[in-house]
Protein backbone atom coordinates (compact mmCIF):
# COMPACT_ATOMS: atom_id res chain seq x y z
CA UNK A 1 -39.11 111.10 -12.08
CA UNK A 2 -42.75 110.44 -11.20
CA UNK A 3 -43.74 107.33 -9.24
CA UNK A 4 -46.62 105.72 -11.10
CA UNK A 5 -47.27 102.87 -8.66
CA UNK A 6 -46.29 101.80 -5.17
CA UNK A 7 -44.30 98.64 -4.54
CA UNK A 8 -47.40 96.85 -3.34
CA UNK A 9 -49.74 97.77 -6.16
CA UNK A 10 -48.90 95.88 -9.39
CA UNK A 11 -51.00 92.88 -10.43
CA UNK A 12 -51.39 90.67 -13.51
CA UNK A 13 -53.85 93.23 -14.87
CA UNK A 14 -50.88 95.63 -15.21
CA UNK A 15 -48.85 93.32 -17.49
CA UNK A 16 -47.45 95.32 -20.41
CA UNK A 17 -47.72 98.67 -18.64
CA UNK A 18 -44.78 101.06 -18.45
CA UNK A 19 -44.25 102.00 -14.80
CA UNK A 20 -41.94 103.90 -12.48
CA UNK A 21 -41.34 102.46 -9.00
CA UNK A 22 -39.40 104.13 -6.21
CA UNK A 23 -38.39 102.61 -2.92
CA UNK A 24 -35.58 100.87 -1.06
CA UNK A 25 -33.46 97.93 -2.18
CA UNK A 26 -34.40 95.25 0.32
CA UNK A 27 -32.46 92.41 -1.32
CA UNK A 28 -30.56 91.97 -4.58
CA UNK A 29 -28.97 88.98 -6.26
CA UNK A 30 -27.08 88.40 -9.51
CA UNK A 31 -27.66 85.26 -11.55
CA UNK A 32 -25.18 85.20 -14.43
CA UNK A 33 -25.52 88.85 -15.34
CA UNK A 34 -29.27 88.97 -14.63
CA UNK A 35 -29.93 91.10 -11.53
CA UNK A 36 -33.01 90.59 -9.34
CA UNK A 37 -33.93 93.42 -6.96
CA UNK A 38 -36.61 93.29 -4.27
CA UNK A 39 -37.84 96.88 -4.20
CA UNK A 40 -39.77 97.80 -1.04
CA UNK A 41 -41.77 100.69 0.33
CA UNK A 42 -44.46 101.14 2.97
CA UNK A 43 -47.05 99.45 0.75
CA UNK A 44 -45.27 96.23 -0.18
CA UNK A 45 -42.48 94.69 -2.23
CA UNK A 46 -42.04 94.15 -5.96
CA UNK A 47 -39.39 92.22 -7.84
CA UNK A 48 -37.52 94.26 -10.45
CA UNK A 49 -35.26 92.54 -12.98
CA UNK A 50 -32.29 93.75 -15.02
CA UNK A 51 -31.95 91.35 -17.96
CA UNK A 52 -29.63 92.57 -20.79
CA UNK A 53 -31.09 90.03 -23.22
CA UNK A 54 -34.63 91.44 -22.91
CA UNK A 55 -33.86 95.16 -23.02
CA UNK A 56 -35.35 97.35 -25.78
CA UNK A 57 -32.95 98.15 -28.61
CA UNK A 58 -32.58 101.80 -27.58
CA UNK A 59 -31.57 100.94 -24.00
CA UNK A 60 -27.93 101.40 -22.93
CA UNK A 61 -27.28 98.09 -21.19
CA UNK A 62 -23.76 99.06 -20.11
CA UNK A 63 -24.73 102.28 -18.34
CA UNK A 64 -27.78 100.62 -16.82
CA UNK A 65 -25.64 97.80 -15.45
CA UNK A 66 -23.22 100.35 -13.95
CA UNK A 67 -26.08 102.19 -12.26
CA UNK A 68 -27.58 99.02 -10.80
CA UNK A 69 -24.18 98.01 -9.41
CA UNK A 70 -24.34 101.14 -7.20
CA UNK A 71 -27.58 99.87 -5.60
CA UNK A 72 -26.54 98.75 -2.11
CA UNK A 73 -29.01 97.26 0.34
CA UNK A 74 -31.46 99.88 1.69
CA UNK A 75 -30.46 102.47 -0.91
CA UNK A 76 -33.32 104.64 -2.17
CA UNK A 77 -33.70 104.06 -5.92
CA UNK A 78 -35.99 104.73 -8.85
CA UNK A 79 -36.59 102.21 -11.65
CA UNK A 80 -38.58 102.48 -14.84
CA UNK A 81 -39.65 99.46 -16.78
CA UNK A 82 -42.32 97.18 -18.19
CA UNK A 83 -44.55 94.91 -16.11
CA UNK A 84 -44.36 91.26 -17.13
CA UNK A 85 -45.29 87.85 -15.76
CA UNK A 86 -42.77 86.02 -13.65
CA UNK A 87 -41.26 82.87 -15.11
CA UNK A 88 -43.54 79.91 -14.39
CA UNK A 89 -42.62 78.27 -11.12
CA UNK A 90 -40.99 81.38 -9.63
CA UNK A 91 -44.18 83.09 -8.48
CA UNK A 92 -44.43 84.11 -4.82
CA UNK A 93 -47.96 83.32 -3.67
CA UNK A 94 -47.39 84.95 -0.26
CA UNK A 95 -46.84 88.33 -1.91
CA UNK A 96 -49.76 90.18 -3.57
CA UNK A 97 -47.34 91.32 -6.30
CA UNK A 98 -45.75 87.88 -6.54
CA UNK A 99 -47.13 86.98 -9.98
CA UNK A 100 -45.42 89.87 -11.78
CA UNK A 101 -42.09 91.63 -12.02
CA UNK A 102 -40.78 94.82 -13.61
CA UNK A 103 -38.22 94.54 -16.42
CA UNK A 104 -35.92 97.50 -15.73
CA UNK A 105 -35.29 99.79 -18.71
CA UNK A 106 -33.78 102.71 -16.78
CA UNK A 107 -32.71 103.30 -13.18
CA UNK A 108 -31.44 106.01 -10.86
CA UNK A 109 -29.76 105.95 -7.48
CA UNK A 110 -31.64 108.45 -5.29
CA UNK A 111 -29.87 107.92 -1.98
CA UNK A 112 -27.03 105.49 -1.34
CA UNK A 113 -27.10 103.49 1.90
CA UNK A 114 -24.16 102.37 3.97
CA UNK A 115 -24.10 98.82 5.29
CA UNK A 116 -27.20 98.51 7.54
CA UNK A 117 -26.42 97.53 11.15
CA UNK A 118 -29.19 94.92 11.02
CA UNK A 119 -31.41 93.18 8.50
CA UNK A 120 -34.40 95.36 7.70
CA UNK A 121 -36.22 92.68 5.71
CA UNK A 122 -38.80 90.55 7.51
CA UNK A 123 -37.04 88.11 9.81
CA UNK A 124 -38.13 84.61 8.86
CA UNK A 125 -37.33 83.27 12.33
CA UNK A 126 -38.41 86.41 14.17
CA UNK A 127 -34.83 87.28 15.13
CA UNK A 128 -34.33 90.97 15.80
CA UNK A 129 -31.29 92.85 17.08
CA UNK A 130 -31.26 94.20 20.62
CA UNK A 131 -33.68 97.02 21.34
CA UNK A 132 -30.92 99.60 21.83
CA UNK A 133 -29.63 98.92 18.30
CA UNK A 134 -33.16 99.31 16.94
CA UNK A 135 -33.59 102.56 18.88
CA UNK A 136 -30.25 103.97 17.69
CA UNK A 137 -31.17 103.29 14.06
CA UNK A 138 -34.88 103.84 14.49
CA UNK A 139 -35.25 105.28 10.98
CA UNK A 140 -34.18 101.86 9.64
CA UNK A 141 -36.31 99.97 12.15
CA UNK A 142 -39.33 101.93 10.92
CA UNK A 143 -38.91 100.40 7.46
CA UNK A 144 -39.77 96.96 8.83
CA UNK A 145 -43.21 95.77 7.77
CA UNK A 146 -44.24 95.08 11.36
CA UNK A 147 -43.46 98.63 12.46
CA UNK A 148 -45.19 100.10 9.40
CA UNK A 149 -48.36 98.08 9.99
CA UNK A 150 -48.44 99.03 13.68
CA UNK A 151 -48.16 102.75 12.95
CA UNK A 152 -50.77 102.45 10.18
CA UNK A 153 -53.08 100.75 12.68
CA UNK A 154 -52.45 103.51 15.21
CA UNK A 155 -53.17 106.23 12.65
CA UNK A 156 -56.38 104.54 11.56
CA UNK A 157 -57.53 104.04 15.16
CA UNK A 158 -57.01 107.71 16.03
CA UNK A 159 -58.67 108.84 12.80
CA UNK A 160 -61.79 106.77 13.46
CA UNK A 161 -61.96 107.87 17.10
CA UNK A 162 -61.83 111.50 15.94
CA UNK A 163 -64.50 110.74 13.34
CA UNK A 164 -66.85 109.36 16.00
CA UNK A 165 -66.33 112.17 18.49
CA UNK A 166 -66.69 114.91 15.86
CA UNK A 167 -70.01 113.36 14.80
CA UNK A 168 -71.23 113.83 18.37
CA UNK A 169 -70.45 117.54 18.66
CA UNK A 170 -67.07 117.18 20.37
CA UNK A 171 -64.55 119.93 19.68
CA UNK A 172 -60.85 119.14 19.33
CA UNK A 173 -59.09 121.82 21.38
CA UNK A 174 -55.38 122.03 22.16
CA UNK A 175 -54.48 122.85 25.75
CA UNK A 176 -51.12 124.26 26.93
CA UNK A 177 -48.10 122.01 27.30
CA UNK A 178 -46.25 124.67 29.30
CA UNK A 179 -47.97 125.24 32.65
CA UNK A 180 -47.23 125.55 36.33
CA UNK A 181 -45.88 122.74 38.47
CA UNK A 182 -48.44 121.37 40.92
CA UNK A 183 -47.84 118.97 43.82
CA UNK A 184 -50.16 116.20 42.61
CA UNK A 185 -49.13 113.30 40.41
CA UNK A 186 -45.70 112.14 39.24
CA UNK A 187 -42.52 114.20 39.00
CA UNK A 188 -42.66 117.09 36.54
CA UNK A 189 -40.34 117.90 33.69
CA UNK A 190 -39.24 121.44 34.53
CA UNK A 191 -38.60 124.13 31.89
CA UNK A 192 -36.83 127.37 32.93
CA UNK A 193 -38.19 130.71 31.78
CA UNK A 194 -35.70 133.07 30.11
CA UNK A 195 -38.10 136.01 30.26
CA UNK A 196 -38.82 135.55 33.97
CA UNK A 197 -35.52 134.46 35.55
CA UNK A 198 -35.79 132.10 38.50
CA UNK A 199 -39.21 130.81 37.48
CA UNK A 200 -40.12 127.60 35.73
CA UNK A 201 -42.80 125.96 33.66
CA UNK A 202 -43.71 122.30 33.96
CA UNK A 203 -44.54 120.16 30.94
CA UNK A 204 -48.15 119.03 31.23
CA UNK A 205 -48.67 115.66 32.90
CA UNK A 206 -52.21 115.77 31.58
CA UNK A 207 -54.70 118.41 30.41
CA UNK A 208 -56.74 117.85 33.61
CA UNK A 209 -57.16 121.40 34.93
CA UNK A 210 -57.33 123.01 31.50
CA UNK A 211 -60.07 120.72 30.26
CA UNK A 212 -62.10 121.36 33.40
CA UNK A 213 -61.76 125.09 32.79
CA UNK A 214 -62.96 124.52 29.22
CA UNK A 215 -66.15 123.17 30.79
CA UNK A 216 -66.41 126.32 32.91
CA UNK A 217 -65.97 128.22 29.64
CA UNK A 218 -69.06 126.60 28.13
CA UNK A 219 -67.26 124.32 25.63
CA UNK A 220 -69.30 121.37 26.81
CA UNK A 221 -67.75 118.59 24.71
CA UNK A 222 -63.99 118.58 24.35
CA UNK A 223 -61.45 116.06 23.17
CA UNK A 224 -57.77 116.08 22.33
CA UNK A 225 -55.08 113.65 21.25
CA UNK A 226 -52.87 114.97 24.02
CA UNK A 227 -49.14 114.68 24.54
CA UNK A 228 -48.34 114.17 28.23
CA UNK A 229 -45.03 114.22 30.12
CA UNK A 230 -44.15 112.48 33.38
CA UNK A 231 -40.72 112.04 34.89
CA UNK A 232 -41.18 108.52 36.18
CA UNK A 233 -39.22 105.31 35.86
CA UNK A 234 -39.62 103.70 32.45
CA UNK A 235 -41.33 100.31 32.19
CA UNK A 236 -42.72 98.31 29.30
CA UNK A 237 -45.99 100.25 29.57
CA UNK A 238 -44.57 103.68 30.46
CA UNK A 239 -42.75 106.43 28.59
CA UNK A 240 -41.55 109.89 29.68
CA UNK A 241 -43.78 111.31 26.95
CA UNK A 242 -46.94 109.53 25.91
CA UNK A 243 -50.25 110.11 24.19
CA UNK A 244 -53.76 110.14 25.62
CA UNK A 245 -57.15 110.38 24.01
CA UNK A 246 -58.49 112.95 26.42
CA UNK A 247 -62.09 114.12 26.70
CA UNK A 248 -64.45 116.03 28.98
CA UNK A 249 -68.22 116.59 28.97
CA UNK A 250 -70.59 118.93 30.82
CA UNK A 251 -74.03 118.17 32.28
CA UNK A 252 -73.42 114.41 32.39
CA UNK A 253 -73.51 111.42 34.71
CA UNK A 254 -70.95 108.61 34.84
CA UNK A 255 -72.94 106.47 32.42
CA UNK A 256 -72.93 109.20 29.76
CA UNK A 257 -69.13 109.17 29.68
CA UNK A 258 -68.98 105.38 29.69
CA UNK A 259 -71.55 105.17 26.89
CA UNK A 260 -69.49 107.60 24.80
CA UNK A 261 -66.33 105.51 25.19
CA UNK A 262 -68.18 102.28 24.42
CA UNK A 263 -69.77 103.81 21.33
CA UNK A 264 -66.44 105.17 20.13
CA UNK A 265 -64.66 101.84 20.59
CA UNK A 266 -67.53 99.98 18.89
CA UNK A 267 -67.27 102.38 15.93
CA UNK A 268 -63.51 101.86 15.69
CA UNK A 269 -63.87 98.10 16.16
CA UNK A 270 -66.31 97.70 13.31
CA UNK A 271 -64.27 99.98 11.06
CA UNK A 272 -61.00 98.14 11.65
CA UNK A 273 -62.06 94.55 12.29
CA UNK A 274 -65.40 94.46 10.50
CA UNK A 275 -66.95 93.00 13.66
CA UNK A 276 -69.36 94.31 16.27
CA UNK A 277 -67.93 94.94 19.71
CA UNK A 278 -70.14 93.61 22.48
CA UNK A 279 -71.42 96.59 24.45
CA UNK A 280 -72.20 97.64 27.12
CA UNK A 281 -69.07 96.46 28.86
CA UNK A 282 -69.29 94.51 32.07
CA UNK A 283 -69.31 96.57 35.27
CA UNK A 284 -67.34 95.19 38.19
CA UNK A 285 -67.03 96.89 41.56
CA UNK A 286 -63.67 97.60 43.12
CA UNK A 287 -64.64 95.35 46.02
CA UNK A 288 -65.50 92.41 43.75
CA UNK A 289 -62.35 92.92 41.69
CA UNK A 290 -60.11 92.75 44.74
CA UNK A 291 -61.88 89.85 46.45
CA UNK A 292 -62.44 87.74 43.33
CA UNK A 293 -59.42 88.56 41.17
CA UNK A 294 -56.88 90.15 43.50
CA UNK A 295 -56.49 93.20 41.28
CA UNK A 296 -58.15 96.53 40.53
CA UNK A 297 -57.52 95.76 36.84
CA UNK A 298 -58.82 92.18 36.62
CA UNK A 299 -58.12 89.89 33.67
CA UNK A 300 -61.52 88.36 32.90
CA UNK A 301 -60.43 86.08 30.05
CA UNK A 302 -60.23 83.04 32.33
CA UNK A 303 -61.63 81.73 35.61
CA UNK A 304 -59.60 80.79 38.70
CA UNK A 305 -61.59 83.20 40.84
CA UNK A 306 -60.45 83.85 44.36
CA UNK A 307 -62.83 82.94 47.17
CA UNK A 308 -62.97 84.34 50.68
CA UNK A 309 -62.79 81.31 52.99
CA UNK A 310 -61.86 83.21 56.15
CA UNK A 311 -65.06 82.18 57.92
CA UNK A 312 -64.48 78.49 57.14
CA UNK A 313 -60.71 77.96 57.20
CA UNK A 314 -60.48 80.23 60.21
CA UNK A 315 -62.23 77.57 62.28
CA UNK A 316 -59.37 75.13 61.74
CA UNK A 317 -57.07 74.40 64.67
CA UNK A 318 -54.17 75.81 62.67
CA UNK A 319 -52.09 78.30 64.63
CA UNK A 320 -50.84 80.27 61.59
CA UNK A 321 -54.40 80.91 60.37
CA UNK A 322 -55.64 81.79 63.85
CA UNK A 323 -52.83 84.28 64.45
CA UNK A 324 -53.43 85.99 61.09
CA UNK A 325 -57.19 86.26 61.66
CA UNK A 326 -56.68 87.65 65.17
CA UNK A 327 -54.80 90.54 63.56
CA UNK A 328 -57.60 91.26 61.11
CA UNK A 329 -56.19 89.19 58.26
CA UNK A 330 -58.04 87.07 55.71
CA UNK A 331 -57.81 83.67 54.02
CA UNK A 332 -58.40 83.32 50.28
CA UNK A 333 -58.66 80.16 48.21
CA UNK A 334 -58.29 79.18 44.55
CA UNK A 335 -59.72 75.91 43.23
CA UNK A 336 -57.83 74.33 40.33
CA UNK A 337 -60.03 71.73 38.68
CA UNK A 338 -58.80 68.15 38.37
CA UNK A 339 -57.97 68.20 34.65
CA UNK A 340 -55.57 71.08 35.26
CA UNK A 341 -54.41 69.95 38.69
CA UNK A 342 -52.96 66.80 37.11
CA UNK A 343 -50.28 69.01 35.59
CA UNK A 344 -49.21 70.39 38.97
CA UNK A 345 -47.04 67.89 40.82
CA UNK A 346 -45.35 68.32 44.18
CA UNK A 347 -42.32 70.04 42.65
CA UNK A 348 -44.59 72.50 40.83
CA UNK A 349 -46.44 73.21 44.09
CA UNK A 350 -43.12 74.09 45.71
CA UNK A 351 -42.39 76.50 42.87
CA UNK A 352 -45.75 78.20 43.44
CA UNK A 353 -44.93 78.48 47.14
CA UNK A 354 -41.67 80.22 46.22
CA UNK A 355 -43.51 82.48 43.77
CA UNK A 356 -46.07 83.41 46.44
CA UNK A 357 -43.22 84.53 48.67
CA UNK A 358 -41.71 86.49 45.80
CA UNK A 359 -44.94 88.51 45.34
CA UNK A 360 -45.21 89.43 49.01
CA UNK A 361 -47.10 86.54 50.58
CA UNK A 362 -45.85 84.37 53.43
CA UNK A 363 -46.28 81.39 51.14
CA UNK A 364 -49.35 79.29 50.42
CA UNK A 365 -51.12 76.23 51.79
CA UNK A 366 -52.21 73.47 49.40
CA UNK A 367 -54.68 70.60 49.54
CA UNK A 368 -55.80 67.91 47.08
CA UNK A 369 -59.28 66.44 46.97
CA UNK A 370 -59.53 62.66 47.04
CA UNK A 371 -62.36 60.30 47.96
CA UNK A 372 -64.57 63.12 49.14
CA UNK A 373 -62.04 64.63 51.53
CA UNK A 374 -58.86 66.72 51.45
CA UNK A 375 -55.25 65.58 51.69
CA UNK A 376 -52.38 67.80 52.78
CA UNK A 377 -49.58 68.05 55.31
CA UNK A 378 -51.77 70.37 57.41
CA UNK A 379 -55.14 68.67 57.00
CA UNK A 380 -54.72 67.13 60.47
CA UNK A 381 -55.54 70.58 61.87
CA UNK A 382 -58.88 70.63 60.02
CA UNK A 383 -61.87 68.91 61.59
CA UNK A 384 -64.22 66.86 59.35
CA UNK A 385 -66.78 69.66 59.66
CA UNK A 386 -64.29 72.31 58.50
CA UNK A 387 -63.18 70.10 55.59
CA UNK A 388 -66.80 69.51 54.59
CA UNK A 389 -67.55 73.26 54.72
CA UNK A 390 -64.44 74.08 52.69
CA UNK A 391 -65.36 71.50 50.03
CA UNK A 392 -68.88 72.90 49.86
CA UNK A 393 -67.86 76.56 49.72
CA UNK A 394 -65.35 76.00 46.90
CA UNK A 395 -67.44 73.36 45.06
CA UNK A 396 -64.51 70.97 45.29
CA UNK A 397 -64.52 67.69 43.35
CA UNK A 398 -62.14 64.75 43.55
CA UNK A 399 -58.84 65.50 41.86
CA UNK A 400 -59.08 69.25 42.42
CA UNK A 401 -56.17 71.18 43.91
CA UNK A 402 -56.68 74.02 46.40
CA UNK A 403 -54.32 76.87 47.14
CA UNK A 404 -54.99 78.88 50.32
CA UNK A 405 -53.43 82.28 51.03
CA UNK A 406 -53.48 84.01 54.41
CA UNK A 407 -52.34 87.43 55.56
CA UNK A 408 -53.31 91.13 55.72
CA UNK A 409 -56.29 91.93 53.51
CA UNK A 410 -54.91 93.98 50.63
CA UNK A 411 -51.49 92.31 50.48
CA UNK A 412 -53.14 88.88 50.42
CA UNK A 413 -55.61 89.89 47.74
CA UNK A 414 -52.87 91.31 45.52
CA UNK A 415 -50.48 88.42 46.13
CA UNK A 416 -53.16 85.81 45.44
CA UNK A 417 -54.06 87.75 42.30
CA UNK A 418 -50.45 87.46 41.11
CA UNK A 419 -50.47 83.70 41.72
CA UNK A 420 -53.75 83.50 39.80
CA UNK A 421 -52.11 85.17 36.79
CA UNK A 422 -49.09 82.86 37.07
CA UNK A 423 -51.35 79.79 37.13
CA UNK A 424 -53.24 81.00 34.06
CA UNK A 425 -50.00 81.56 32.17
CA UNK A 426 -48.50 78.20 33.16
CA UNK A 427 -51.69 76.25 32.42
CA UNK A 428 -52.32 78.00 29.07
CA UNK A 429 -55.68 79.37 30.21
CA UNK A 430 -55.35 82.76 28.51
CA UNK A 431 -57.08 82.59 25.10
CA UNK A 432 -55.47 84.29 22.11
CA UNK A 433 -57.30 87.06 20.29
CA UNK A 434 -59.90 87.59 23.04
CA UNK A 435 -60.58 91.10 24.34
CA UNK A 436 -62.47 91.39 27.63
CA UNK A 437 -63.33 95.00 28.40
CA UNK A 438 -64.76 95.98 31.78
CA UNK A 439 -65.51 99.07 33.82
CA UNK A 440 -64.11 99.12 37.34
CA UNK A 441 -66.66 101.09 39.38
CA UNK A 442 -67.47 101.97 43.00
CA UNK A 443 -63.86 102.86 43.77
CA UNK A 444 -62.91 104.47 47.08
CA UNK A 445 -62.30 108.21 47.07
CA UNK A 446 -59.37 107.95 49.47
CA UNK A 447 -56.84 105.34 50.53
CA UNK A 448 -54.09 105.27 53.13
CA UNK A 449 -50.48 105.25 52.03
CA UNK A 450 -49.00 102.04 53.49
CA UNK A 451 -45.61 103.65 54.15
CA UNK A 452 -46.43 107.13 55.48
CA UNK A 453 -49.91 106.36 56.80
CA UNK A 454 -51.16 109.57 55.17
CA UNK A 455 -54.49 109.90 53.44
CA UNK A 456 -54.12 109.95 49.65
CA UNK A 457 -56.57 109.92 46.75
CA UNK A 458 -57.34 106.69 44.93
CA UNK A 459 -57.32 108.53 41.59
CA UNK A 460 -56.75 112.29 41.91
CA UNK A 461 -58.07 115.11 44.12
CA UNK A 462 -60.62 116.38 41.57
CA UNK A 463 -62.93 113.33 41.72
CA UNK A 464 -66.43 114.12 42.94
CA UNK A 465 -67.40 112.16 46.08
CA UNK A 466 -70.65 110.20 45.99
CA UNK A 467 -71.53 111.00 49.58
CA UNK A 468 -70.59 113.54 52.28
CA UNK A 469 -66.89 113.52 53.10
CA UNK A 470 -67.53 112.86 56.79
CA UNK A 471 -69.05 109.45 56.04
CA UNK A 472 -66.93 106.32 56.43
CA UNK A 473 -65.51 104.68 53.30
CA UNK A 474 -66.60 107.42 50.91
CA UNK A 475 -66.80 106.26 47.30
CA UNK A 476 -65.68 108.44 44.42
CA UNK A 477 -67.63 108.88 41.21
CA UNK A 478 -64.67 107.42 39.33
CA UNK A 479 -64.28 104.49 36.96
CA UNK A 480 -61.44 102.74 35.15
CA UNK A 481 -61.57 101.08 31.75
CA UNK A 482 -59.81 97.72 31.95
CA UNK A 483 -58.85 95.38 29.11
CA UNK A 484 -57.36 91.93 29.68
CA UNK A 485 -55.85 92.87 33.02
CA UNK A 486 -54.51 96.25 31.91
CA UNK A 487 -55.87 99.66 32.85
CA UNK A 488 -56.49 101.66 29.67
CA UNK A 489 -57.71 104.82 31.33
CA UNK A 490 -59.45 106.47 34.24
CA UNK A 491 -62.46 108.73 34.30
CA UNK A 492 -64.72 110.40 36.81
CA UNK A 493 -67.20 113.11 37.53
CA UNK A 494 -65.35 116.18 38.82
CA UNK A 495 -65.87 118.45 41.77
CA UNK A 496 -67.52 121.65 40.53
CA UNK A 497 -67.94 123.31 43.95
CA UNK A 498 -64.86 125.34 45.00
CA UNK A 499 -65.63 124.91 48.72
CA UNK A 500 -65.83 121.13 48.37
CA UNK A 501 -62.59 121.16 46.39
CA UNK A 502 -60.90 123.14 49.16
CA UNK A 503 -62.14 120.63 51.72
CA UNK A 504 -60.68 117.71 49.75
CA UNK A 505 -57.34 119.53 49.54
CA UNK A 506 -57.48 120.08 53.31
CA UNK A 507 -58.21 116.40 54.01
CA UNK A 508 -55.12 115.53 51.97
CA UNK A 509 -52.99 117.65 54.28
CA UNK A 510 -52.74 120.70 52.05
CA UNK A 511 -52.86 124.00 53.91
CA UNK A 512 -55.21 126.75 52.80
CA UNK A 513 -52.22 128.85 51.77
CA UNK A 514 -50.67 126.03 49.75
CA UNK A 515 -53.97 125.25 48.02
CA UNK A 516 -54.30 128.90 47.07
CA UNK A 517 -50.71 129.10 45.85
CA UNK A 518 -50.91 125.98 43.66
CA UNK A 519 -54.57 125.91 42.64
CA UNK A 520 -55.91 129.40 43.29
CA UNK A 521 -56.53 130.05 39.58
CA UNK A 522 -58.49 126.81 39.32
CA UNK A 523 -60.52 127.36 42.49
CA UNK A 524 -61.41 130.85 41.29
CA UNK A 525 -62.62 129.43 37.96
CA UNK A 526 -64.89 126.94 39.76
CA UNK A 527 -66.52 129.90 41.48
CA UNK A 528 -67.93 131.27 38.22
CA UNK A 529 -70.77 128.86 37.56
CA UNK A 530 -68.85 125.64 36.92
CA UNK A 531 -71.29 123.08 35.47
CA UNK A 532 -71.47 119.45 36.57
CA UNK A 533 -68.88 117.75 34.39
CA UNK A 534 -66.68 114.73 33.99
CA UNK A 535 -64.35 113.03 31.60
CA UNK A 536 -61.82 110.34 30.90
CA UNK A 537 -58.42 109.82 29.30
CA UNK A 538 -57.40 106.65 27.46
CA UNK A 539 -53.76 105.70 26.98
CA UNK A 540 -53.40 105.38 23.21
CA UNK A 541 -49.93 103.83 23.31
CA UNK A 542 -51.04 101.11 25.71
CA UNK A 543 -54.29 100.39 23.88
CA UNK A 544 -52.56 100.09 20.50
CA UNK A 545 -49.95 97.76 22.02
CA UNK A 546 -52.68 95.46 23.29
CA UNK A 547 -54.69 95.46 20.07
CA UNK A 548 -51.59 94.73 17.97
CA UNK A 549 -50.12 92.15 20.34
CA UNK A 550 -47.00 94.13 21.25
CA UNK A 551 -45.17 93.42 24.51
CA UNK A 552 -44.15 97.04 25.01
CA UNK A 553 -45.61 100.41 24.09
CA UNK A 554 -42.21 101.32 22.64
CA UNK A 555 -43.19 99.27 19.58
CA UNK A 556 -46.26 101.46 19.00
CA UNK A 557 -44.43 104.82 19.07
CA UNK A 558 -42.40 106.12 16.14
CA UNK A 559 -39.59 107.58 18.26
CA UNK A 560 -39.79 106.26 21.84
CA UNK A 561 -37.30 106.57 24.65
CA UNK A 562 -35.58 103.38 25.79
CA UNK A 563 -35.85 101.79 29.24
CA UNK A 564 -33.46 104.42 30.61
CA UNK A 565 -35.52 107.32 29.23
CA UNK A 566 -32.92 107.98 26.53
CA UNK A 567 -33.37 108.68 22.84
CA UNK A 568 -30.41 106.86 21.34
CA UNK A 569 -30.63 108.06 17.76
CA UNK A 570 -30.25 111.75 18.72
CA UNK A 571 -28.39 111.06 21.99
CA UNK A 572 -30.80 112.89 24.26
CA UNK A 573 -30.93 113.99 27.00
CA UNK A 574 -27.70 115.89 26.45
CA UNK A 575 -25.72 118.64 28.11
CA UNK A 576 -26.48 122.23 27.14
CA UNK A 577 -23.93 124.87 26.15
CA UNK A 578 -22.82 127.15 28.97
CA UNK A 579 -24.02 130.14 26.95
CA UNK A 580 -27.57 128.81 26.98
CA UNK A 581 -27.44 128.11 30.70
CA UNK A 582 -26.09 131.60 31.34
CA UNK A 583 -28.92 133.10 29.30
CA UNK A 584 -31.37 131.21 31.52
CA UNK A 585 -29.42 132.21 34.65
CA UNK A 586 -28.88 128.54 35.51
CA UNK A 587 -25.70 127.02 36.89
CA UNK A 588 -24.93 123.31 36.56
CA UNK A 589 -23.26 121.94 39.70
CA UNK A 590 -22.20 118.35 40.40
CA UNK A 591 -23.84 116.98 43.55
CA UNK A 592 -20.46 116.48 45.18
CA UNK A 593 -19.68 120.19 44.73
CA UNK A 594 -22.68 121.32 46.77
CA UNK A 595 -20.75 120.90 50.02
CA UNK A 596 -18.22 123.47 48.81
CA UNK A 597 -20.97 126.06 48.50
CA UNK A 598 -22.25 125.61 52.02
């Protein structure tokens, strides 16, 4: 029982050859005693035929027919036979093997399949069962061509990335998954220690501290395809466990890290697509991104830039604008050119007003350009001079439509950015198959939490500041890689001075004792000649989803969790036997029972 060819390999040049194919019965049909079987594997699909009239004299047609009758859909089978041309007019030009078929001379059932809960074969109308069904029977879902091609693409991408980094003296080094829980970042997955009762490990949210200590250890170029774990709410672009392409470099500046990523992606791009990737990527400051696109991960595939018109529109005798500006607010505008504005009638404008409210704005103000001026229900509050200045600042032409947004700075930027994306989607402005990479640079080191009012870090507390911490609006030496409005990863230069690191912890409200308790091992390591260093981590799941056109990263992972962080095919998470809990000295108590213990 030796497979001689895959199910995607046979061609007309193989006619007359004796072959053995093994795979899964995708479809079968009986035409008057002649059985046709579509035999599939990862590589393709080949038609195999049982025809009693064409069998060799020494073949046992009766036994062979009995065996083939046991072949249910999705059963694993083995067939031996002779390659021959298909009957004229029955060729399948869409299939690389579609000019030939295998006349079955012997067959064997390798693994019988029950009735599949859904059709594994390619859906002609793109109809798939619900995601939970696919997750429960993931091993069947993985047989679909689309899933196979996605995982092949992922494997090839990672292989070529490794190839590039290895050629530039990077070492692939595994860092611990079991570590200590630290206060920064998302919620940890906690693992109890049997050997040390009452203590716990945390599954690594990232290799951050370990890779920095590798730099202290003199391993100046590190990378890892790292598994990371974060106990956060699942979304289409998040999973409890995910994969990063993680790297760190010593004795570098920001540009060295960016150049490495660009070179790696260009290498992968040419290897997979056979095309050159345009590098270097565009650099866009955080300030420009927020003021022009309303997002720190701007989608640059289309226009509709935001414009700050606070200085112009603020001169209007419009009480709402004046009140907002008096409180430090801003006014932003989007110009929609006439050819597109024709598609936005009054009813559509009302829908955009409702959408603006939905994304946190108070609404929006609209104006249409006609005969060199502006028309709107509020234009009476705008003097001719203000109208002229607004037309000039936004380069308005007759037929154009203006949307104005007013409110607090960041909320207005982000809300206007959401309306911009909605406009682009509705007006079909997002081109297919276009990839616009960009580096987001000049990011702030700190930001203020809008709820608690506390100082927090924009990225994480290990980012090296570009200027003294006592200066206003300190920038961090951090940068994000953005693709088509999605953040693929964050990088930065790191703090390599333990005293500076302690000061950052202190500014974030961490006491000296707490910093020592949680990060003492790390601070001590920085005190032994830590070199200047920096790095980046790219989200592989997210990047593969974008490059393969998937709506969710769950379709790029072999065995993902569903939206509720469950693995349906093995029914995890699950309860643990009392014996195991006792061994770990853990007691499981329902929340309602806690009162009884008090």
